[in-house]
């Protein structure tokens, strides 16, 4: 769909873009949930008598697992529900600009991967949404998605 067709359909179906504030709160909620999930999964692997340095080194060794967990979390929830738990709590959702439905698994996975890249580059891809009229981040643009108000 072209930008004009998307805007026309949004107006016709009374769809509005989610605010940056709602998206930021959803992001924070999801990061907290991912952190708690990670701690539940890997807490038993940290020895009780480990020093601070040993704990940091162990966590650094688990860094790739954190990234993998974030990708799976984002891709699965966006594909299956159109929203992560954080987005659900903020009453926003991700839609494909192709058909205005949940993104398919490939687009959801692509979105999750580019999201990690954007985070790694000092959140520049997120800041991009501040200057974009459709509030698209890099991961939205690449995956052909928009974040809208669900209700």
N, C-alpha and C. Protein backbone atom coordinates (compact mmCIF):
# COMPACT_ATOMS: atom_id res chain seq x y z
N UNK A 1 0.83 -1.19 0.00
CA UNK A 1 0.00 0.00 0.00
C UNK A 1 0.87 1.24 0.00
N UNK A 2 0.44 2.24 -0.73
CA UNK A 2 1.17 3.50 -0.74
C UNK A 2 0.81 4.29 0.51
N UNK A 3 1.61 5.33 0.81
CA UNK A 3 1.33 6.15 1.99
C UNK A 3 -0.06 6.77 1.91
N UNK A 4 -0.44 7.21 0.73
CA UNK A 4 -1.76 7.84 0.55
C UNK A 4 -2.88 6.83 0.81
N UNK A 5 -2.71 5.60 0.34
CA UNK A 5 -3.72 4.56 0.57
C UNK A 5 -3.82 4.21 2.06
N UNK A 6 -2.67 4.18 2.73
CA UNK A 6 -2.67 3.89 4.17
C UNK A 6 -3.40 4.99 4.92
N UNK A 7 -3.08 6.24 4.61
CA UNK A 7 -3.73 7.37 5.29
C UNK A 7 -5.24 7.34 5.04
N UNK A 8 -5.63 7.10 3.81
CA UNK A 8 -7.05 7.04 3.46
C UNK A 8 -7.76 5.92 4.24
N UNK A 9 -7.14 4.76 4.29
CA UNK A 9 -7.74 3.64 5.00
C UNK A 9 -7.78 3.90 6.50
N UNK A 10 -6.74 4.51 7.05
CA UNK A 10 -6.72 4.86 8.48
C UNK A 10 -7.89 5.79 8.80
N UNK A 11 -8.10 6.79 7.96
CA UNK A 11 -9.19 7.74 8.18
C UNK A 11 -10.55 7.04 8.06
N UNK A 12 -10.69 6.20 7.07
CA UNK A 12 -11.95 5.49 6.83
C UNK A 12 -12.29 4.54 7.98
N UNK A 13 -11.28 3.86 8.52
CA UNK A 13 -11.50 2.87 9.57
C UNK A 13 -11.22 3.42 10.97
N UNK A 14 -11.01 4.73 11.07
CA UNK A 14 -10.78 5.40 12.36
C UNK A 14 -9.60 4.78 13.12
N UNK A 15 -8.49 4.60 12.44
CA UNK A 15 -7.25 4.07 13.01
C UNK A 15 -6.30 5.23 13.27
N UNK A 16 -5.66 5.24 14.44
CA UNK A 16 -4.70 6.30 14.73
C UNK A 16 -3.36 5.70 15.14
N UNK A 17 -2.30 6.42 14.83
CA UNK A 17 -0.96 5.98 15.20
C UNK A 17 -0.75 6.12 16.71
N UNK A 18 -0.02 5.19 17.27
CA UNK A 18 0.31 5.24 18.70
C UNK A 18 1.30 6.37 18.96
N UNK A 19 1.17 6.99 20.09
CA UNK A 19 2.08 8.08 20.44
C UNK A 19 3.45 7.53 20.82
N UNK A 20 4.43 8.38 20.72
CA UNK A 20 5.79 8.02 21.12
C UNK A 20 5.81 7.68 22.62
N UNK A 21 5.03 8.39 23.41
CA UNK A 21 4.98 8.15 24.86
C UNK A 21 4.46 6.74 25.15
N UNK A 22 3.39 6.32 24.49
CA UNK A 22 2.86 4.98 24.69
C UNK A 22 3.87 3.92 24.26
N UNK A 23 4.53 4.18 23.15
CA UNK A 23 5.53 3.23 22.66
C UNK A 23 6.69 3.13 23.64
N UNK A 24 7.10 4.23 24.22
CA UNK A 24 8.21 4.23 25.19
C UNK A 24 7.82 3.45 26.45
N UNK A 25 6.61 3.65 26.94
CA UNK A 25 6.15 2.89 28.11
C UNK A 25 6.08 1.40 27.79
N UNK A 26 5.57 1.05 26.61
CA UNK A 26 5.49 -0.36 26.21
C UNK A 26 6.89 -0.96 26.14
N UNK A 27 7.84 -0.22 25.60
CA UNK A 27 9.23 -0.68 25.51
C UNK A 27 9.77 -0.96 26.91
N UNK A 28 9.53 -0.05 27.85
CA UNK A 28 10.02 -0.20 29.22
C UNK A 28 9.41 -1.44 29.87
N UNK A 29 8.12 -1.63 29.71
CA UNK A 29 7.44 -2.80 30.27
C UNK A 29 8.05 -4.08 29.70
N UNK A 30 8.23 -4.12 28.38
CA UNK A 30 8.80 -5.31 27.75
C UNK A 30 10.22 -5.58 28.22
N UNK A 31 11.02 -4.55 28.38
CA UNK A 31 12.39 -4.75 28.86
C UNK A 31 12.41 -5.30 30.28
N UNK A 32 11.51 -4.82 31.11
CA UNK A 32 11.42 -5.35 32.48
C UNK A 32 10.99 -6.82 32.44
N UNK A 33 9.99 -7.15 31.64
CA UNK A 33 9.52 -8.53 31.53
C UNK A 33 10.62 -9.46 31.01
N UNK A 34 11.36 -9.01 30.01
CA UNK A 34 12.46 -9.81 29.47
C UNK A 34 13.54 -10.02 30.53
N UNK A 35 13.85 -8.98 31.30
CA UNK A 35 14.85 -9.09 32.36
C UNK A 35 14.43 -10.09 33.42
N UNK A 36 13.16 -10.03 33.82
CA UNK A 36 12.64 -10.96 34.83
C UNK A 36 12.68 -12.38 34.27
N UNK A 37 12.24 -12.55 33.04
CA UNK A 37 12.28 -13.87 32.40
C UNK A 37 13.70 -14.41 32.34
N UNK A 38 14.64 -13.57 31.97
CA UNK A 38 16.05 -13.97 31.92
C UNK A 38 16.55 -14.39 33.29
N UNK A 39 16.20 -13.62 34.31
CA UNK A 39 16.64 -13.97 35.67
C UNK A 39 16.04 -15.30 36.11
N UNK A 40 14.79 -15.54 35.78
CA UNK A 40 14.15 -16.81 36.14
C UNK A 40 14.87 -17.98 35.47
N UNK A 41 15.20 -17.81 34.20
CA UNK A 41 15.84 -18.89 33.44
C UNK A 41 17.26 -19.15 33.91
N UNK A 42 18.04 -18.10 34.14
CA UNK A 42 19.47 -18.26 34.38
C UNK A 42 19.93 -18.01 35.81
N UNK A 43 19.02 -17.71 36.72
CA UNK A 43 19.41 -17.39 38.09
C UNK A 43 20.18 -18.53 38.75
N UNK A 44 19.79 -19.75 38.50
CA UNK A 44 20.45 -20.91 39.10
C UNK A 44 21.87 -21.12 38.62
N UNK A 45 22.26 -20.49 37.53
CA UNK A 45 23.61 -20.67 36.99
C UNK A 45 24.63 -19.76 37.65
N UNK A 46 24.19 -18.82 38.44
CA UNK A 46 25.12 -17.91 39.12
C UNK A 46 25.41 -18.49 40.51
N UNK A 47 26.65 -18.87 40.73
CA UNK A 47 27.01 -19.44 42.04
C UNK A 47 26.75 -18.43 43.16
N UNK A 48 26.29 -18.93 44.30
CA UNK A 48 25.97 -18.06 45.43
C UNK A 48 27.20 -17.37 46.01
N UNK A 49 28.35 -18.01 45.89
CA UNK A 49 29.57 -17.44 46.45
C UNK A 49 30.41 -16.69 45.40
N UNK A 50 29.81 -16.40 44.24
CA UNK A 50 30.55 -15.70 43.18
C UNK A 50 30.79 -14.25 43.57
N UNK A 51 31.97 -13.76 43.24
CA UNK A 51 32.28 -12.36 43.50
C UNK A 51 31.55 -11.49 42.46
N UNK A 52 31.57 -10.21 42.70
CA UNK A 52 30.95 -9.26 41.78
C UNK A 52 31.55 -9.39 40.38
N UNK A 53 32.86 -9.47 40.29
CA UNK A 53 33.54 -9.59 39.00
C UNK A 53 33.18 -10.90 38.31
N UNK A 54 33.14 -11.99 39.07
CA UNK A 54 32.77 -13.29 38.48
C UNK A 54 31.33 -13.26 37.96
N UNK A 55 30.44 -12.61 38.70
CA UNK A 55 29.05 -12.50 38.27
C UNK A 55 28.94 -11.69 36.98
N UNK A 56 29.66 -10.58 36.90
CA UNK A 56 29.66 -9.75 35.69
C UNK A 56 30.21 -10.55 34.51
N UNK A 57 31.30 -11.27 34.72
CA UNK A 57 31.88 -12.09 33.64
C UNK A 57 30.92 -13.18 33.17
N UNK A 58 30.23 -13.78 34.12
CA UNK A 58 29.25 -14.81 33.77
C UNK A 58 28.10 -14.20 32.96
N UNK A 59 27.61 -13.06 33.38
CA UNK A 59 26.53 -12.39 32.66
C UNK A 59 26.97 -11.94 31.27
N UNK A 60 28.20 -11.50 31.16
CA UNK A 60 28.73 -11.14 29.83
C UNK A 60 28.76 -12.35 28.91
N UNK A 61 29.06 -13.50 29.48
CA UNK A 61 29.06 -14.74 28.69
C UNK A 61 27.66 -15.13 28.24
N UNK A 62 26.66 -14.68 28.95
CA UNK A 62 25.26 -14.99 28.60
C UNK A 62 24.63 -13.92 27.70
N UNK A 63 25.40 -12.92 27.31
CA UNK A 63 24.89 -11.81 26.52
C UNK A 63 24.18 -12.26 25.24
N UNK A 64 24.77 -13.22 24.53
CA UNK A 64 24.14 -13.68 23.29
C UNK A 64 22.79 -14.34 23.56
N UNK A 65 22.63 -14.95 24.73
CA UNK A 65 21.35 -15.55 25.09
C UNK A 65 20.30 -14.47 25.38
N UNK A 66 20.74 -13.36 25.96
CA UNK A 66 19.83 -12.24 26.20
C UNK A 66 19.32 -11.72 24.85
N UNK A 67 20.22 -11.54 23.91
CA UNK A 67 19.83 -11.05 22.58
C UNK A 67 18.86 -12.03 21.93
N UNK A 68 19.18 -13.31 21.98
CA UNK A 68 18.30 -14.32 21.39
C UNK A 68 16.92 -14.32 22.05
N UNK A 69 16.88 -14.19 23.36
CA UNK A 69 15.61 -14.14 24.08
C UNK A 69 14.79 -12.93 23.64
N UNK A 70 15.44 -11.77 23.48
CA UNK A 70 14.74 -10.56 23.05
C UNK A 70 14.18 -10.73 21.63
N UNK A 71 14.94 -11.35 20.74
CA UNK A 71 14.48 -11.55 19.37
C UNK A 71 13.28 -12.49 19.35
N UNK A 72 13.37 -13.60 20.06
CA UNK A 72 12.26 -14.57 20.10
C UNK A 72 11.02 -13.92 20.72
N UNK A 73 11.19 -13.22 21.81
CA UNK A 73 10.08 -12.55 22.50
C UNK A 73 9.37 -11.58 21.55
N UNK A 74 10.13 -10.69 20.94
CA UNK A 74 9.55 -9.69 20.04
C UNK A 74 8.89 -10.33 18.82
N UNK A 75 9.61 -11.22 18.16
CA UNK A 75 9.09 -11.83 16.94
C UNK A 75 7.83 -12.65 17.21
N UNK A 76 7.86 -13.47 18.26
CA UNK A 76 6.70 -14.32 18.55
C UNK A 76 5.46 -13.49 18.86
N UNK A 77 5.56 -12.56 19.80
CA UNK A 77 4.38 -11.80 20.20
C UNK A 77 3.83 -10.92 19.08
N UNK A 78 4.71 -10.29 18.31
CA UNK A 78 4.23 -9.45 17.21
C UNK A 78 3.57 -10.31 16.14
N UNK A 79 4.13 -11.47 15.86
CA UNK A 79 3.53 -12.36 14.86
C UNK A 79 2.22 -12.95 15.36
N UNK A 80 2.21 -13.49 16.56
CA UNK A 80 1.04 -14.20 17.07
C UNK A 80 -0.10 -13.28 17.51
N UNK A 81 0.22 -12.16 18.13
CA UNK A 81 -0.80 -11.29 18.72
C UNK A 81 -0.83 -9.88 18.15
N UNK A 82 0.18 -9.53 17.37
CA UNK A 82 0.25 -8.16 16.87
C UNK A 82 0.77 -7.19 17.92
N UNK A 83 1.14 -7.71 19.08
CA UNK A 83 1.62 -6.85 20.16
C UNK A 83 2.35 -7.68 21.20
N UNK A 84 3.36 -7.09 21.78
CA UNK A 84 4.05 -7.69 22.91
C UNK A 84 3.20 -7.43 24.16
N UNK A 85 3.49 -8.08 25.28
CA UNK A 85 2.73 -7.78 26.50
C UNK A 85 2.77 -6.30 26.88
N UNK A 86 3.90 -5.65 26.69
CA UNK A 86 3.99 -4.22 26.97
C UNK A 86 3.05 -3.41 26.09
N UNK A 87 3.01 -3.73 24.83
CA UNK A 87 2.11 -3.04 23.90
C UNK A 87 0.65 -3.34 24.26
N UNK A 88 0.37 -4.58 24.66
CA UNK A 88 -1.00 -4.92 25.05
C UNK A 88 -1.44 -4.08 26.24
N UNK A 89 -0.56 -3.93 27.24
CA UNK A 89 -0.89 -3.12 28.41
C UNK A 89 -1.10 -1.65 28.05
N UNK A 90 -0.37 -1.19 27.05
CA UNK A 90 -0.51 0.21 26.62
C UNK A 90 -1.59 0.38 25.55
N UNK A 91 -2.24 -0.72 25.19
CA UNK A 91 -3.34 -0.73 24.21
C UNK A 91 -2.88 -0.19 22.84
N UNK A 92 -1.73 -0.71 22.41
CA UNK A 92 -1.24 -0.41 21.06
C UNK A 92 -0.87 -1.73 20.41
N UNK A 93 -0.76 -1.72 19.09
CA UNK A 93 -0.39 -2.95 18.38
C UNK A 93 0.36 -2.62 17.10
N UNK A 94 1.03 -3.65 16.58
CA UNK A 94 1.82 -3.54 15.36
C UNK A 94 1.00 -4.11 14.22
N UNK A 95 0.93 -3.36 13.11
CA UNK A 95 0.24 -3.86 11.93
C UNK A 95 1.16 -3.77 10.72
N UNK A 96 0.93 -4.64 9.79
CA UNK A 96 1.67 -4.62 8.53
C UNK A 96 1.04 -3.56 7.62
N UNK A 97 1.87 -2.78 6.95
CA UNK A 97 1.33 -1.80 6.01
C UNK A 97 0.88 -2.46 4.72
N UNK A 98 1.19 -3.72 4.56
CA UNK A 98 0.79 -4.45 3.36
C UNK A 98 -0.71 -4.75 3.40
N UNK A 99 -1.19 -5.26 4.54
CA UNK A 99 -2.60 -5.66 4.63
C UNK A 99 -3.30 -5.18 5.90
N UNK A 100 -2.63 -4.36 6.71
CA UNK A 100 -3.15 -3.83 7.97
C UNK A 100 -3.56 -4.93 8.95
N UNK A 101 -2.86 -6.05 8.91
CA UNK A 101 -3.07 -7.16 9.83
C UNK A 101 -1.76 -7.41 10.57
N UNK A 102 -1.73 -8.41 11.45
CA UNK A 102 -0.48 -8.76 12.13
C UNK A 102 0.59 -9.08 11.08
N UNK A 103 1.82 -8.66 11.31
CA UNK A 103 2.90 -9.03 10.39
C UNK A 103 3.10 -10.54 10.38
N UNK A 104 3.48 -11.08 9.23
CA UNK A 104 3.75 -12.53 9.18
C UNK A 104 5.06 -12.81 9.94
N UNK A 105 5.38 -14.08 10.08
CA UNK A 105 6.53 -14.47 10.91
C UNK A 105 7.85 -13.91 10.36
N UNK A 106 8.01 -13.88 9.05
CA UNK A 106 9.27 -13.36 8.49
C UNK A 106 9.43 -11.86 8.75
N UNK A 107 8.35 -11.10 8.56
CA UNK A 107 8.42 -9.66 8.84
C UNK A 107 8.61 -9.42 10.34
N UNK A 108 7.97 -10.23 11.17
CA UNK A 108 8.12 -10.09 12.63
C UNK A 108 9.55 -10.39 13.06
N UNK A 109 10.14 -11.42 12.49
CA UNK A 109 11.52 -11.76 12.81
C UNK A 109 12.48 -10.68 12.31
N UNK A 110 12.25 -10.20 11.12
CA UNK A 110 13.06 -9.13 10.56
C UNK A 110 12.96 -7.88 11.44
N UNK A 111 11.76 -7.57 11.88
CA UNK A 111 11.53 -6.41 12.74
C UNK A 111 12.31 -6.57 14.06
N UNK A 112 12.26 -7.76 14.64
CA UNK A 112 12.97 -8.02 15.89
C UNK A 112 14.48 -7.90 15.73
N UNK A 113 15.00 -8.41 14.62
CA UNK A 113 16.45 -8.33 14.38
C UNK A 113 16.91 -6.89 14.20
N UNK A 114 16.19 -6.12 13.40
CA UNK A 114 16.58 -4.72 13.18
C UNK A 114 16.41 -3.91 14.45
N UNK A 115 15.47 -4.28 15.28
CA UNK A 115 15.27 -3.62 16.56
C UNK A 115 16.52 -3.76 17.44
N UNK A 116 17.12 -4.94 17.43
CA UNK A 116 18.36 -5.17 18.19
C UNK A 116 19.48 -4.30 17.63
N UNK A 117 19.58 -4.23 16.31
CA UNK A 117 20.61 -3.38 15.68
C UNK A 117 20.40 -1.93 16.10
N UNK A 118 19.17 -1.48 16.07
CA UNK A 118 18.85 -0.10 16.44
C UNK A 118 19.23 0.18 17.90
N UNK A 119 18.94 -0.76 18.78
CA UNK A 119 19.32 -0.60 20.19
C UNK A 119 20.84 -0.52 20.33
N UNK A 120 21.54 -1.33 19.56
CA UNK A 120 23.00 -1.40 19.63
C UNK A 120 23.66 -0.12 19.13
N UNK A 121 22.96 0.61 18.28
CA UNK A 121 23.50 1.85 17.73
C UNK A 121 22.94 3.07 18.47
N UNK A 122 22.96 2.97 19.80
CA UNK A 122 22.56 4.07 20.67
C UNK A 122 21.12 4.53 20.44
N UNK A 123 20.26 3.60 20.05
CA UNK A 123 18.82 3.85 19.87
C UNK A 123 18.51 4.86 18.77
N UNK A 124 19.42 5.03 17.84
CA UNK A 124 19.20 5.98 16.75
C UNK A 124 17.96 5.60 15.95
N UNK A 125 17.77 4.32 15.72
CA UNK A 125 16.60 3.87 14.98
C UNK A 125 15.29 4.17 15.68
N UNK A 126 15.32 4.24 17.01
CA UNK A 126 14.13 4.62 17.77
C UNK A 126 13.92 6.13 17.68
N UNK A 127 15.01 6.88 17.78
CA UNK A 127 14.92 8.34 17.71
C UNK A 127 14.41 8.80 16.34
N UNK A 128 14.65 7.98 15.33
CA UNK A 128 14.19 8.27 13.98
C UNK A 128 12.67 8.55 13.97
N UNK A 129 11.94 7.87 14.83
CA UNK A 129 10.48 8.01 14.89
C UNK A 129 10.06 9.42 15.31
N UNK A 130 10.93 10.13 16.00
CA UNK A 130 10.60 11.49 16.44
C UNK A 130 10.48 12.46 15.27
N UNK A 131 11.18 12.17 14.18
CA UNK A 131 11.18 13.06 13.03
C UNK A 131 10.33 12.54 11.87
N UNK A 132 9.75 11.37 12.05
CA UNK A 132 9.00 10.72 10.99
C UNK A 132 7.50 10.96 11.20
N UNK A 133 6.76 11.43 10.18
CA UNK A 133 5.33 11.70 10.37
C UNK A 133 4.50 10.45 10.69
N UNK A 134 4.96 9.27 10.27
CA UNK A 134 4.25 8.02 10.58
C UNK A 134 4.80 7.37 11.85
N UNK A 135 5.72 8.06 12.52
CA UNK A 135 6.35 7.57 13.75
C UNK A 135 7.01 6.22 13.56
N UNK A 136 7.57 6.01 12.38
CA UNK A 136 8.25 4.74 12.08
C UNK A 136 9.66 4.74 12.65
N UNK A 137 9.99 3.67 13.31
CA UNK A 137 11.37 3.43 13.72
C UNK A 137 12.06 2.71 12.56
N UNK A 138 13.35 2.45 12.69
CA UNK A 138 14.03 1.68 11.64
C UNK A 138 13.41 0.31 11.48
N UNK A 139 13.11 -0.34 12.62
CA UNK A 139 12.56 -1.69 12.53
C UNK A 139 11.15 -1.68 11.94
N UNK A 140 10.40 -0.61 12.15
CA UNK A 140 9.09 -0.50 11.49
C UNK A 140 9.26 -0.33 9.98
N UNK A 141 10.17 0.51 9.62
CA UNK A 141 10.37 0.82 8.20
C UNK A 141 10.82 -0.43 7.42
N UNK A 142 11.79 -1.14 7.97
CA UNK A 142 12.32 -2.33 7.30
C UNK A 142 11.27 -3.44 7.22
N UNK A 143 10.49 -3.60 8.28
CA UNK A 143 9.50 -4.68 8.33
C UNK A 143 8.14 -4.26 7.76
N UNK A 144 8.06 -3.03 7.29
CA UNK A 144 6.80 -2.51 6.72
C UNK A 144 5.66 -2.60 7.73
N UNK A 145 5.91 -2.04 8.91
CA UNK A 145 4.91 -2.05 9.97
C UNK A 145 4.68 -0.65 10.49
N UNK A 146 3.55 -0.48 11.16
CA UNK A 146 3.24 0.73 11.90
C UNK A 146 2.68 0.31 13.25
N UNK A 147 2.82 1.18 14.23
CA UNK A 147 2.26 0.90 15.55
C UNK A 147 1.06 1.83 15.73
N UNK A 148 -0.08 1.21 16.01
CA UNK A 148 -1.34 1.96 16.10
C UNK A 148 -1.99 1.78 17.47
N UNK A 149 -2.93 2.64 17.77
CA UNK A 149 -3.75 2.47 18.97
C UNK A 149 -4.69 1.31 18.72
N UNK A 150 -4.76 0.40 19.69
CA UNK A 150 -5.60 -0.78 19.51
C UNK A 150 -7.05 -0.50 19.83
N UNK A 151 -7.32 0.51 20.68
CA UNK A 151 -8.70 0.82 21.06
C UNK A 151 -8.94 2.30 20.94
